[in-house]
Amino acid sequence: MWIANCMDTVGDANIHSGRSFVLGWPTVNFLATLSSSERKEKWRSYLQRYIMQAKEKEQPKSIPLKILTENIKNCACDMNIPMELK
């Protein structure tokens, strides 16, 4: 899911861009128009924060990399090395 400010027109419709934002999903987008620009910013900020939190939970911070050491002398066990994702 993503969120963005909208343009002044979408298709044939005139949009109150100061009071509207777009919520996007892979297959469909939604236009939200609120009663004031302050309310729009409050809702947009709130939704953006929770979208980002959900994405952070979904994507791992590291991936365990298993290295087989059977052909390396003086190594008697497998190792897991965390790889940082950026």
C-alpha atoms as a PDB file:
ATOM      1  CA  MET A   1       0.000   0.000   0.000  1.00  0.00           C
ATOM      2  CA  TRP A   2       1.169   3.539  -0.679  1.00  0.00           C
ATOM      3  CA  ILE A   3      -0.109   7.069  -0.120  1.00  0.00           C
ATOM      4  CA  ALA A   4       0.507  10.292  -2.080  1.00  0.00           C
ATOM      5  CA  ASN A   5      -0.796  13.807  -2.544  1.00  0.00           C
ATOM      6  CA  CYS A   6      -3.006  14.125  -5.589  1.00  0.00           C
ATOM      7  CA  MET A   7      -3.069  16.397  -8.627  1.00  0.00           C
ATOM      8  CA  ASP A   8      -5.706  19.021  -9.366  1.00  0.00           C
ATOM      9  CA  THR A   9      -7.449  16.757 -11.889  1.00  0.00           C
ATOM     10  CA  VAL A  10      -7.902  13.025 -12.165  1.00  0.00           C
ATOM     11  CA  GLY A  11      -9.434  12.004 -15.460  1.00  0.00           C
ATOM     12  CA  ASP A  12     -12.337  14.382 -16.087  1.00  0.00           C
ATOM     13  CA  ALA A  13     -12.909  15.255 -12.412  1.00  0.00           C
ATOM     14  CA  ASN A  14     -11.656  18.390 -10.681  1.00  0.00           C
ATOM     15  CA  ILE A  15     -10.125  17.497  -7.339  1.00  0.00           C
ATOM     16  CA  HIS A  16      -9.598  19.631  -4.245  1.00  0.00           C
ATOM     17  CA  SER A  17      -5.888  18.742  -4.031  1.00  0.00           C
ATOM     18  CA  GLY A  18      -5.435  20.718  -0.814  1.00  0.00           C
ATOM     19  CA  ARG A  19      -7.967  18.430   0.865  1.00  0.00           C
ATOM     20  CA  SER A  20      -7.304  15.132  -0.976  1.00  0.00           C
ATOM     21  CA  PHE A  21      -4.787  12.313  -1.142  1.00  0.00           C
ATOM     22  CA  VAL A  22      -4.535   9.013  -2.986  1.00  0.00           C
ATOM     23  CA  LEU A  23      -4.303   5.594  -1.337  1.00  0.00           C
ATOM     24  CA  GLY A  24      -2.769   3.073  -3.689  1.00  0.00           C
ATOM     25  CA  TRP A  25      -2.904  -0.679  -3.773  1.00  0.00           C
ATOM     26  CA  PRO A  26      -1.440  -2.920  -6.489  1.00  0.00           C
ATOM     27  CA  THR A  27      -4.758  -3.372  -8.295  1.00  0.00           C
ATOM     28  CA  VAL A  28      -6.790  -0.268  -7.369  1.00  0.00           C
ATOM     29  CA  ASN A  29      -6.356   3.315  -6.106  1.00  0.00           C
ATOM     30  CA  PHE A  30      -8.691   5.332  -3.888  1.00  0.00           C
ATOM     31  CA  LEU A  31      -9.107   9.088  -3.634  1.00  0.00           C
ATOM     32  CA  ALA A  32      -9.825  10.456  -0.151  1.00  0.00           C
ATOM     33  CA  THR A  33     -11.186  14.012   0.105  1.00  0.00           C
ATOM     34  CA  LEU A  34     -11.625  15.466   3.574  1.00  0.00           C
ATOM     35  CA  SER A  35     -13.410  18.548   4.871  1.00  0.00           C
ATOM     36  CA  SER A  36     -10.238  20.628   5.431  1.00  0.00           C
ATOM     37  CA  SER A  37      -6.543  20.650   4.548  1.00  0.00           C
ATOM     38  CA  GLU A  38      -5.691  20.263   8.253  1.00  0.00           C
ATOM     39  CA  ARG A  39      -7.814  17.127   8.538  1.00  0.00           C
ATOM     40  CA  LYS A  40      -6.273  15.801   5.292  1.00  0.00           C
ATOM     41  CA  GLU A  41      -2.741  16.256   6.670  1.00  0.00           C
ATOM     42  CA  LYS A  42      -3.683  14.619   9.967  1.00  0.00           C
ATOM     43  CA  TRP A  43      -5.148  11.543   8.217  1.00  0.00           C
ATOM     44  CA  ARG A  44      -2.382  11.366   5.591  1.00  0.00           C
ATOM     45  CA  SER A  45       0.307  11.531   8.283  1.00  0.00           C
ATOM     46  CA  TYR A  46      -1.475   8.936  10.426  1.00  0.00           C
ATOM     47  CA  LEU A  47      -1.915   6.509   7.535  1.00  0.00           C
ATOM     48  CA  GLN A  48       1.632   7.045   6.237  1.00  0.00           C
ATOM     49  CA  ARG A  49       3.084   6.259   9.675  1.00  0.00           C
ATOM     50  CA  TYR A  50       1.144   2.982   9.963  1.00  0.00           C
ATOM     51  CA  ILE A  51       1.926   1.964   6.379  1.00  0.00           C
ATOM     52  CA  MET A  52       5.649   2.441   7.105  1.00  0.00           C
ATOM     53  CA  GLN A  53       5.406   0.498  10.386  1.00  0.00           C
ATOM     54  CA  ALA A  54       3.689  -2.400   8.616  1.00  0.00           C
ATOM     55  CA  LYS A  55       6.344  -2.441   5.883  1.00  0.00           C
ATOM     56  CA  GLU A  56       9.130  -2.467   8.482  1.00  0.00           C
ATOM     57  CA  LYS A  57       7.564  -5.488  10.202  1.00  0.00           C
ATOM     58  CA  GLU A  58       7.123  -7.262   6.873  1.00  0.00           C
ATOM     59  CA  GLN A  59      10.681  -6.901   5.599  1.00  0.00           C
ATOM     60  CA  PRO A  60      13.458  -8.568   7.598  1.00  0.00           C
ATOM     61  CA  LYS A  61      16.389  -6.491   8.858  1.00  0.00           C
ATOM     62  CA  SER A  62      18.781  -9.354   8.177  1.00  0.00           C
ATOM     63  CA  ILE A  63      18.870 -12.646   6.329  1.00  0.00           C
ATOM     64  CA  PRO A  64      20.663 -15.599   7.918  1.00  0.00           C
ATOM     65  CA  LEU A  65      23.290 -16.924   5.517  1.00  0.00           C
ATOM     66  CA  LYS A  66      24.252 -20.534   6.152  1.00  0.00           C
ATOM     67  CA  ILE A  67      27.832 -21.357   5.189  1.00  0.00           C
ATOM     68  CA  LEU A  68      28.758 -25.006   4.863  1.00  0.00           C
ATOM     69  CA  THR A  69      32.293 -25.596   6.079  1.00  0.00           C
ATOM     70  CA  GLU A  70      32.824 -29.248   5.262  1.00  0.00           C
ATOM     71  CA  ASN A  71      35.760 -28.543   2.890  1.00  0.00           C
ATOM     72  CA  ILE A  72      37.480 -25.973   5.138  1.00  0.00           C
ATOM     73  CA  LYS A  73      40.196 -27.297   7.469  1.00  0.00           C
ATOM     74  CA  ASN A  74      39.850 -26.600  11.194  1.00  0.00           C
ATOM     75  CA  CYS A  75      36.107 -25.861  10.927  1.00  0.00           C
ATOM     76  CA  ALA A  76      33.858 -28.412  12.581  1.00  0.00           C
ATOM     77  CA  CYS A  77      30.437 -26.736  12.355  1.00  0.00           C
ATOM     78  CA  ASP A  78      28.080 -24.740  10.153  1.00  0.00           C
ATOM     79  CA  MET A  79      27.831 -20.987  10.731  1.00  0.00           C
ATOM     80  CA  ASN A  80      24.976 -18.521  10.404  1.00  0.00           C
ATOM     81  CA  ILE A  81      26.048 -14.976   9.565  1.00  0.00           C
ATOM     82  CA  PRO A  82      23.419 -12.197   9.671  1.00  0.00           C
ATOM     83  CA  MET A  83      23.565  -9.959   6.610  1.00  0.00           C
ATOM     84  CA  GLU A  84      22.280  -6.422   7.131  1.00  0.00           C
ATOM     85  CA  LEU A  85      19.804  -5.195   4.506  1.00  0.00           C
ATOM     86  CA  LYS A  86      19.836  -1.546   3.528  1.00  0.00           C
END
